[in-house]
Amino acid sequence: MQLWYPGAARKPLGTQTEPKIGTPRVLIFHTMSGYLAGTDSWFRRDGYAGTESHFGVGGSWDKGLDGAVWQWQALDRKADAQYGGNAYATSVETSDGAKSGVPWTAKQLEALIDLGEWWCRQTGNPAKLVTSSSGRGFGYHSQFAAWNRSGHVCPGTARVKQLKERVIPEVARRLASGSDPTEAIVKKLPTLARGAKPGEDMQTLRALLLARSHPEVKTIEGGFDDVVEKAVRALQQWGGIKEDGVVGEATWRILLLRERK
């Protein structure tokens, strides 16, 4: 099971203190009642000792982040976002720009479908709405009292409708077709080369290099420097592709799809 979604910018909250939950069985959808960056700042105040979600998805009200996916917690660790569900659930917060009741944007829907498909393939759970808190599949925060002790309506009527009528059916269709979701992610990633500035795509690249045991890349922060180029060339040599130090589709594919020997 992959623990970090390749379509997300990795945003760990510091030293890991949350217990492992193994393979999650429910993907629970939330609305963060605000903005992606603001929620990130709130989570960072207390790190893993406070409240956090596994994923966050930006909307059109988040400047340049409509459909962007951020991951704060690994898939096999607890995230404190849904009370009794924390011990077995994956949580995904979705921004609303502090506009209560708005539906997900088209790009948010696309991002949630991609994420949902990946999650099902990693966990082995079906693309269906759970009918009890003990079920396997997709759910939403206000669905059961065990997940929502305060009794609020998160993620809201419009988004629950989209979950039922758009997200779940499309994820189920993709699972039945047998397509590989990682290929779709590869197509969306930009070409990165020496001189690329720090940002979400560089964080993703650096995190993947770290995960593939390139110790010279010591942090996910930073741009495309000499150290990153050296690691990319070593990866390309290992993968049997052109050693040009440029991260295009072929290099992304190796990073996301192939295990390191």
Foldseek 3Di string as FASTA:
>chain_A
DFFDDLQAQEDELDDDDFDFLAQAFEEAEFEPLAADVVVSVVCNVCGQVDADAQKEAGPPLHVVGHLHIYGHGTRGGFGHQFALRRNHYHYYYYYDNNPPADERDPSVLVSLLLVQLVSCVVRVFALDEDPDSPHGHYYYQQPDCNRPVPNDQTPHDRHVVCSHPPRSVSSNVVVVVVDDSVLVSLVPQDKAAPPAWWDRSQLSLLVLLVVQPLVLSPHSTTGRHPSQLVSLLVLCVQVVHDSPSMDHSVSSCCSPPPHHD
